[in-house]
């Protein structure tokens, strides 16, 4: 199983409860083919740079899932049949890059904590 990031675009006029049904239907395709959904994030409604298929905007949803690499093309072909999915882009996650980004985030958090401690110490000294 390999990790993938997918960006789904659903047709523009979707209400919240209807959108949830669309998302669940799209993610059901992943689980139907043996994958597991790790996370999902609704990015909101955004306007397209230019109209596509007579539509001006769409609701964007980012999803991370684990999936068998041999079945990705089958998954994309299934999404062509799902009317609710306006567009989908699936990218493989680079594990090495993810590790580097995680270590950079941890280092930035440590620096911020050290900076906050130094500021507190300076404030305590100036109060005395």
N, C-alpha and C. Protein backbone atom coordinates (compact mmCIF):
# COMPACT_ATOMS: atom_id res chain seq x y z
N UNK A 1 0.84 -1.18 0.00
CA UNK A 1 0.00 0.00 0.00
C UNK A 1 0.89 1.24 0.00
N UNK A 2 0.52 2.19 -0.81
CA UNK A 2 1.25 3.43 -0.94
C UNK A 2 0.31 4.58 -0.63
N UNK A 3 0.86 5.69 -0.12
CA UNK A 3 0.03 6.84 0.21
C UNK A 3 -0.15 7.73 -1.01
N UNK A 4 -1.36 8.27 -1.13
CA UNK A 4 -1.69 9.17 -2.23
C UNK A 4 -2.43 10.38 -1.69
N UNK A 5 -2.23 11.51 -2.35
CA UNK A 5 -3.00 12.72 -2.10
C UNK A 5 -3.91 12.92 -3.30
N UNK A 6 -5.18 13.18 -3.03
CA UNK A 6 -6.14 13.42 -4.11
C UNK A 6 -6.82 14.75 -3.87
N UNK A 7 -7.04 15.47 -4.94
CA UNK A 7 -7.79 16.72 -4.89
C UNK A 7 -9.03 16.52 -5.73
N UNK A 8 -10.18 16.54 -5.07
CA UNK A 8 -11.46 16.38 -5.74
C UNK A 8 -12.09 17.75 -5.94
N UNK A 9 -12.74 17.93 -7.07
CA UNK A 9 -13.56 19.12 -7.31
C UNK A 9 -14.97 18.62 -7.57
N UNK A 10 -15.90 19.10 -6.75
CA UNK A 10 -17.31 18.74 -6.91
C UNK A 10 -18.05 19.91 -7.54
N UNK A 11 -19.13 19.63 -8.26
CA UNK A 11 -19.90 20.66 -8.96
C UNK A 11 -20.28 21.79 -8.01
N UNK A 12 -20.24 23.01 -8.52
CA UNK A 12 -20.29 24.24 -7.74
C UNK A 12 -21.42 24.49 -6.77
N UNK A 13 -22.65 24.10 -7.03
CA UNK A 13 -23.78 24.53 -6.21
C UNK A 13 -24.12 23.55 -5.09
N UNK A 14 -23.17 22.79 -4.62
CA UNK A 14 -23.43 21.77 -3.60
C UNK A 14 -23.65 22.39 -2.22
N UNK A 15 -24.74 22.00 -1.56
CA UNK A 15 -25.01 22.41 -0.17
C UNK A 15 -24.19 21.51 0.75
N UNK A 16 -24.10 21.88 2.05
CA UNK A 16 -23.25 21.14 2.99
C UNK A 16 -23.64 19.68 3.13
N UNK A 17 -24.95 19.41 3.37
CA UNK A 17 -25.35 18.01 3.56
C UNK A 17 -25.25 17.21 2.28
N UNK A 18 -25.51 17.85 1.15
CA UNK A 18 -25.38 17.17 -0.14
C UNK A 18 -23.91 16.93 -0.45
N UNK A 19 -23.08 17.90 -0.11
CA UNK A 19 -21.64 17.76 -0.33
C UNK A 19 -21.08 16.58 0.43
N UNK A 20 -21.51 16.41 1.69
CA UNK A 20 -21.04 15.26 2.48
C UNK A 20 -21.39 13.94 1.80
N UNK A 21 -22.59 13.86 1.22
CA UNK A 21 -22.99 12.65 0.49
C UNK A 21 -22.11 12.44 -0.73
N UNK A 22 -21.78 13.52 -1.44
CA UNK A 22 -20.91 13.41 -2.60
C UNK A 22 -19.52 12.91 -2.19
N UNK A 23 -19.01 13.47 -1.10
CA UNK A 23 -17.67 13.08 -0.62
C UNK A 23 -17.67 11.61 -0.21
N UNK A 24 -18.69 11.20 0.54
CA UNK A 24 -18.76 9.80 0.98
C UNK A 24 -18.86 8.85 -0.22
N UNK A 25 -19.62 9.26 -1.24
CA UNK A 25 -19.74 8.42 -2.43
C UNK A 25 -18.39 8.30 -3.14
N UNK A 26 -17.65 9.41 -3.22
CA UNK A 26 -16.35 9.37 -3.89
C UNK A 26 -15.35 8.54 -3.09
N UNK A 27 -15.36 8.69 -1.75
CA UNK A 27 -14.42 7.93 -0.93
C UNK A 27 -14.81 6.45 -0.84
N UNK A 28 -16.07 6.14 -1.08
CA UNK A 28 -16.49 4.74 -1.09
C UNK A 28 -15.80 3.98 -2.22
N UNK A 29 -15.48 4.68 -3.31
CA UNK A 29 -14.76 4.04 -4.41
C UNK A 29 -13.37 3.60 -3.96
N UNK A 30 -12.73 4.39 -3.12
CA UNK A 30 -11.40 4.04 -2.61
C UNK A 30 -11.50 2.78 -1.75
N UNK A 31 -12.44 2.77 -0.83
CA UNK A 31 -12.57 1.59 0.06
C UNK A 31 -13.06 0.37 -0.71
N UNK A 32 -13.88 0.58 -1.74
CA UNK A 32 -14.39 -0.55 -2.53
C UNK A 32 -13.25 -1.28 -3.23
N UNK A 33 -12.21 -0.54 -3.61
CA UNK A 33 -11.07 -1.15 -4.29
C UNK A 33 -9.96 -1.57 -3.32
N UNK A 34 -10.23 -1.55 -2.02
CA UNK A 34 -9.27 -2.07 -1.04
C UNK A 34 -8.37 -1.03 -0.41
N UNK A 35 -8.64 0.25 -0.59
CA UNK A 35 -7.82 1.29 0.02
C UNK A 35 -8.41 1.76 1.34
N UNK A 36 -7.65 2.57 2.06
CA UNK A 36 -8.13 3.15 3.32
C UNK A 36 -7.90 4.65 3.28
N UNK A 37 -8.92 5.39 3.71
CA UNK A 37 -8.84 6.84 3.75
C UNK A 37 -8.16 7.25 5.04
N UNK A 38 -7.09 8.05 4.94
CA UNK A 38 -6.34 8.50 6.11
C UNK A 38 -6.90 9.82 6.63
N UNK A 39 -7.14 10.78 5.73
CA UNK A 39 -7.67 12.07 6.17
C UNK A 39 -8.40 12.73 5.01
N UNK A 40 -9.29 13.67 5.38
CA UNK A 40 -9.95 14.48 4.36
C UNK A 40 -10.13 15.88 4.91
N UNK A 41 -10.06 16.86 4.00
CA UNK A 41 -10.19 18.25 4.39
C UNK A 41 -10.95 18.99 3.30
N UNK A 42 -12.08 19.60 3.68
CA UNK A 42 -12.85 20.39 2.73
C UNK A 42 -12.20 21.77 2.65
N UNK A 43 -11.73 22.13 1.47
CA UNK A 43 -11.03 23.39 1.27
C UNK A 43 -11.97 24.53 0.92
N UNK A 44 -13.21 24.21 0.60
CA UNK A 44 -14.21 25.23 0.33
C UNK A 44 -14.46 25.46 -1.14
N UNK A 45 -15.39 26.37 -1.39
CA UNK A 45 -15.77 26.69 -2.76
C UNK A 45 -14.81 27.73 -3.33
N UNK A 46 -14.34 27.48 -4.54
CA UNK A 46 -13.40 28.38 -5.19
C UNK A 46 -13.79 28.57 -6.64
N UNK A 47 -13.55 29.77 -7.14
CA UNK A 47 -13.83 30.07 -8.55
C UNK A 47 -12.71 29.51 -9.42
N UNK A 48 -13.08 29.05 -10.60
CA UNK A 48 -12.10 28.56 -11.56
C UNK A 48 -11.45 29.77 -12.25
N UNK A 49 -10.25 29.58 -12.74
CA UNK A 49 -9.57 30.64 -13.48
C UNK A 49 -10.32 30.98 -14.77
N UNK A 50 -10.90 29.98 -15.38
CA UNK A 50 -11.75 30.18 -16.55
C UNK A 50 -12.87 29.14 -16.49
N UNK A 51 -14.01 29.43 -17.07
CA UNK A 51 -15.12 28.47 -17.02
C UNK A 51 -14.74 27.13 -17.64
N UNK A 52 -15.15 26.06 -16.98
CA UNK A 52 -14.94 24.71 -17.50
C UNK A 52 -16.28 24.01 -17.56
N UNK A 53 -16.60 23.47 -18.71
CA UNK A 53 -17.87 22.78 -18.90
C UNK A 53 -19.05 23.61 -18.38
N UNK A 54 -19.04 24.87 -18.72
CA UNK A 54 -20.10 25.83 -18.36
C UNK A 54 -20.25 26.02 -16.85
N UNK A 55 -19.21 25.76 -16.10
CA UNK A 55 -19.22 25.98 -14.65
C UNK A 55 -18.20 27.04 -14.29
N UNK A 56 -18.53 27.84 -13.30
CA UNK A 56 -17.67 28.95 -12.87
C UNK A 56 -16.86 28.61 -11.62
N UNK A 57 -17.37 27.66 -10.79
CA UNK A 57 -16.70 27.36 -9.52
C UNK A 57 -16.97 25.91 -9.12
N UNK A 58 -16.25 25.49 -8.08
CA UNK A 58 -16.42 24.14 -7.56
C UNK A 58 -15.96 24.08 -6.12
N UNK A 59 -16.37 23.02 -5.43
CA UNK A 59 -15.97 22.79 -4.05
C UNK A 59 -14.79 21.83 -4.06
N UNK A 60 -13.68 22.27 -3.46
CA UNK A 60 -12.44 21.50 -3.45
C UNK A 60 -12.33 20.70 -2.15
N UNK A 61 -11.91 19.44 -2.27
CA UNK A 61 -11.72 18.57 -1.12
C UNK A 61 -10.39 17.84 -1.30
N UNK A 62 -9.51 17.96 -0.29
CA UNK A 62 -8.22 17.26 -0.31
C UNK A 62 -8.34 16.00 0.55
N UNK A 63 -7.88 14.88 0.01
CA UNK A 63 -7.98 13.59 0.69
C UNK A 63 -6.65 12.88 0.61
N UNK A 64 -6.26 12.24 1.70
CA UNK A 64 -5.07 11.38 1.70
C UNK A 64 -5.55 9.96 1.98
N UNK A 65 -5.07 9.03 1.16
CA UNK A 65 -5.47 7.63 1.36
C UNK A 65 -4.34 6.70 1.01
N UNK A 66 -4.44 5.48 1.52
CA UNK A 66 -3.48 4.42 1.20
C UNK A 66 -4.15 3.50 0.20
N UNK A 67 -3.38 3.15 -0.83
CA UNK A 67 -4.00 2.42 -1.94
C UNK A 67 -2.97 1.58 -2.66
N UNK A 68 -3.41 0.53 -3.31
CA UNK A 68 -2.54 -0.33 -4.11
C UNK A 68 -2.19 0.40 -5.41
N UNK A 69 -0.90 0.59 -5.69
CA UNK A 69 -0.51 1.34 -6.89
C UNK A 69 -1.03 0.74 -8.20
N UNK A 70 -1.25 -0.55 -8.24
CA UNK A 70 -1.70 -1.19 -9.47
C UNK A 70 -3.15 -0.84 -9.80
N UNK A 71 -3.90 -0.35 -8.81
CA UNK A 71 -5.32 -0.08 -9.02
C UNK A 71 -5.65 1.40 -9.21
N UNK A 72 -4.65 2.25 -9.29
CA UNK A 72 -4.91 3.69 -9.40
C UNK A 72 -5.64 4.03 -10.70
N UNK A 73 -5.22 3.44 -11.80
CA UNK A 73 -5.88 3.74 -13.08
C UNK A 73 -7.33 3.28 -13.06
N UNK A 74 -7.61 2.16 -12.40
CA UNK A 74 -8.99 1.69 -12.27
C UNK A 74 -9.82 2.67 -11.44
N UNK A 75 -9.22 3.22 -10.40
CA UNK A 75 -9.90 4.21 -9.57
C UNK A 75 -10.24 5.47 -10.38
N UNK A 76 -9.29 5.95 -11.16
CA UNK A 76 -9.53 7.14 -11.99
C UNK A 76 -10.64 6.86 -13.00
N UNK A 77 -10.64 5.68 -13.58
CA UNK A 77 -11.69 5.33 -14.54
C UNK A 77 -13.07 5.28 -13.86
N UNK A 78 -13.13 4.82 -12.63
CA UNK A 78 -14.41 4.80 -11.89
C UNK A 78 -14.91 6.22 -11.65
N UNK A 79 -13.99 7.14 -11.36
CA UNK A 79 -14.39 8.53 -11.11
C UNK A 79 -14.95 9.20 -12.36
N UNK A 80 -14.57 8.72 -13.53
CA UNK A 80 -15.14 9.26 -14.76
C UNK A 80 -16.62 8.93 -14.86
N UNK A 81 -17.05 7.88 -14.18
CA UNK A 81 -18.45 7.47 -14.20
C UNK A 81 -19.28 8.12 -13.09
N UNK A 82 -18.63 8.64 -12.07
CA UNK A 82 -19.34 9.27 -10.95
C UNK A 82 -19.64 10.72 -11.34
N UNK A 83 -20.91 11.04 -11.51
CA UNK A 83 -21.31 12.37 -11.99
C UNK A 83 -20.95 13.48 -11.02
N UNK A 84 -20.98 13.21 -9.73
CA UNK A 84 -20.75 14.25 -8.73
C UNK A 84 -19.31 14.76 -8.74
N UNK A 85 -18.38 13.91 -9.13
CA UNK A 85 -16.97 14.30 -9.16
C UNK A 85 -16.72 15.04 -10.47
N UNK A 86 -16.53 16.35 -10.35
CA UNK A 86 -16.28 17.18 -11.54
C UNK A 86 -14.89 16.90 -12.08
N UNK A 87 -13.91 16.86 -11.19
CA UNK A 87 -12.53 16.55 -11.54
C UNK A 87 -11.82 15.93 -10.36
N UNK A 88 -10.79 15.13 -10.63
CA UNK A 88 -9.97 14.56 -9.57
C UNK A 88 -8.53 14.49 -10.05
N UNK A 89 -7.61 14.81 -9.12
CA UNK A 89 -6.19 14.69 -9.41
C UNK A 89 -5.58 13.86 -8.30
N UNK A 90 -4.89 12.79 -8.64
CA UNK A 90 -4.29 11.89 -7.66
C UNK A 90 -2.78 11.92 -7.84
N UNK A 91 -2.08 12.19 -6.73
CA UNK A 91 -0.62 12.24 -6.74
C UNK A 91 -0.06 11.30 -5.68
N UNK A 92 1.02 10.60 -6.00
CA UNK A 92 1.69 9.74 -5.03
C UNK A 92 2.46 10.61 -4.05
N UNK A 93 2.43 10.22 -2.78
CA UNK A 93 3.14 10.95 -1.73
C UNK A 93 4.57 10.45 -1.69
N UNK A 94 5.52 11.38 -1.70
CA UNK A 94 6.93 11.05 -1.60
C UNK A 94 7.28 10.94 -0.12
N UNK A 95 7.53 9.74 0.36
CA UNK A 95 7.78 9.49 1.77
C UNK A 95 9.01 10.23 2.29
N UNK A 96 10.07 10.28 1.49
CA UNK A 96 11.29 10.99 1.93
C UNK A 96 11.02 12.47 2.12
N UNK A 97 10.27 13.06 1.20
CA UNK A 97 9.94 14.48 1.31
C UNK A 97 9.07 14.74 2.54
N UNK A 98 8.14 13.84 2.82
CA UNK A 98 7.28 13.97 4.00
C UNK A 98 8.10 13.93 5.29
N UNK A 99 9.12 13.05 5.33
CA UNK A 99 9.98 12.96 6.51
C UNK A 99 10.77 14.25 6.70
N UNK A 100 11.30 14.80 5.62
CA UNK A 100 12.06 16.06 5.70
C UNK A 100 11.16 17.18 6.18
N UNK A 101 9.95 17.28 5.63
CA UNK A 101 9.03 18.33 6.04
C UNK A 101 8.64 18.19 7.52
N UNK A 102 8.44 16.95 7.98
CA UNK A 102 8.10 16.72 9.37
C UNK A 102 9.25 17.14 10.29
N UNK A 103 10.48 16.82 9.91
CA UNK A 103 11.62 17.21 10.74
C UNK A 103 11.79 18.73 10.74
N UNK A 104 11.52 19.39 9.62
CA UNK A 104 11.60 20.85 9.56
C UNK A 104 10.53 21.48 10.45
N UNK A 105 9.33 20.92 10.46
CA UNK A 105 8.26 21.42 11.33
C UNK A 105 8.63 21.29 12.79
N UNK A 106 9.19 20.12 13.15
CA UNK A 106 9.61 19.90 14.54
C UNK A 106 10.70 20.89 14.95
N UNK A 107 11.65 21.13 14.06
CA UNK A 107 12.73 22.07 14.38
C UNK A 107 12.17 23.48 14.54
N UNK A 108 11.24 23.87 13.71
CA UNK A 108 10.62 25.20 13.81
C UNK A 108 9.84 25.33 15.11
N UNK A 109 9.15 24.27 15.52
CA UNK A 109 8.41 24.30 16.79
C UNK A 109 9.36 24.42 17.97
N UNK A 110 10.50 23.70 17.92
CA UNK A 110 11.49 23.79 19.00
C UNK A 110 12.05 25.20 19.09
N UNK A 111 12.40 25.80 17.93
CA UNK A 111 12.92 27.16 17.93
C UNK A 111 11.90 28.15 18.49
N UNK A 112 10.63 27.97 18.14
CA UNK A 112 9.58 28.86 18.64
C UNK A 112 9.43 28.72 20.14
N UNK A 113 9.51 27.47 20.65
CA UNK A 113 9.40 27.25 22.09
C UNK A 113 10.59 27.86 22.82
N UNK A 114 11.80 27.71 22.26
CA UNK A 114 12.99 28.30 22.87
C UNK A 114 12.90 29.82 22.88
N UNK A 115 12.40 30.39 21.80
CA UNK A 115 12.24 31.83 21.70
C UNK A 115 11.22 32.35 22.73
N UNK A 116 10.15 31.60 22.91
CA UNK A 116 9.12 31.98 23.89
C UNK A 116 9.68 31.91 25.31
N UNK A 117 10.47 30.87 25.60
CA UNK A 117 11.09 30.74 26.92
C UNK A 117 12.06 31.90 27.18
N UNK A 118 12.84 32.27 26.16
CA UNK A 118 13.78 33.37 26.30
C UNK A 118 13.03 34.69 26.53
N UNK A 119 11.92 34.88 25.84
CA UNK A 119 11.12 36.10 26.02
C UNK A 119 10.53 36.15 27.42
N UNK A 120 10.07 35.00 27.92
CA UNK A 120 9.52 34.95 29.29
C UNK A 120 10.60 35.26 30.31
N UNK A 121 11.81 34.71 30.11
CA UNK A 121 12.90 34.96 31.03
C UNK A 121 13.29 36.43 31.01
N UNK A 122 13.32 37.03 29.84
CA UNK A 122 13.66 38.47 29.72
C UNK A 122 12.59 39.32 30.39
N UNK A 123 11.34 38.93 30.24
CA UNK A 123 10.24 39.67 30.87
C UNK A 123 10.30 39.55 32.38
N UNK A 124 10.67 38.37 32.87
CA UNK A 124 10.79 38.16 34.32
C UNK A 124 11.95 38.99 34.88
N UNK A 125 13.08 39.08 34.17
CA UNK A 125 14.22 39.86 34.60
C UNK A 125 13.89 41.35 34.62
N UNK A 126 13.16 41.81 33.60
CA UNK A 126 12.85 43.24 33.56
C UNK A 126 11.80 43.61 34.61
N UNK A 127 11.00 42.66 35.04
CA UNK A 127 9.99 42.91 36.09
C UNK A 127 10.64 43.04 37.46
N UNK A 128 11.80 42.44 37.63
CA UNK A 128 12.48 42.47 38.93
C UNK A 128 13.20 43.70 39.15
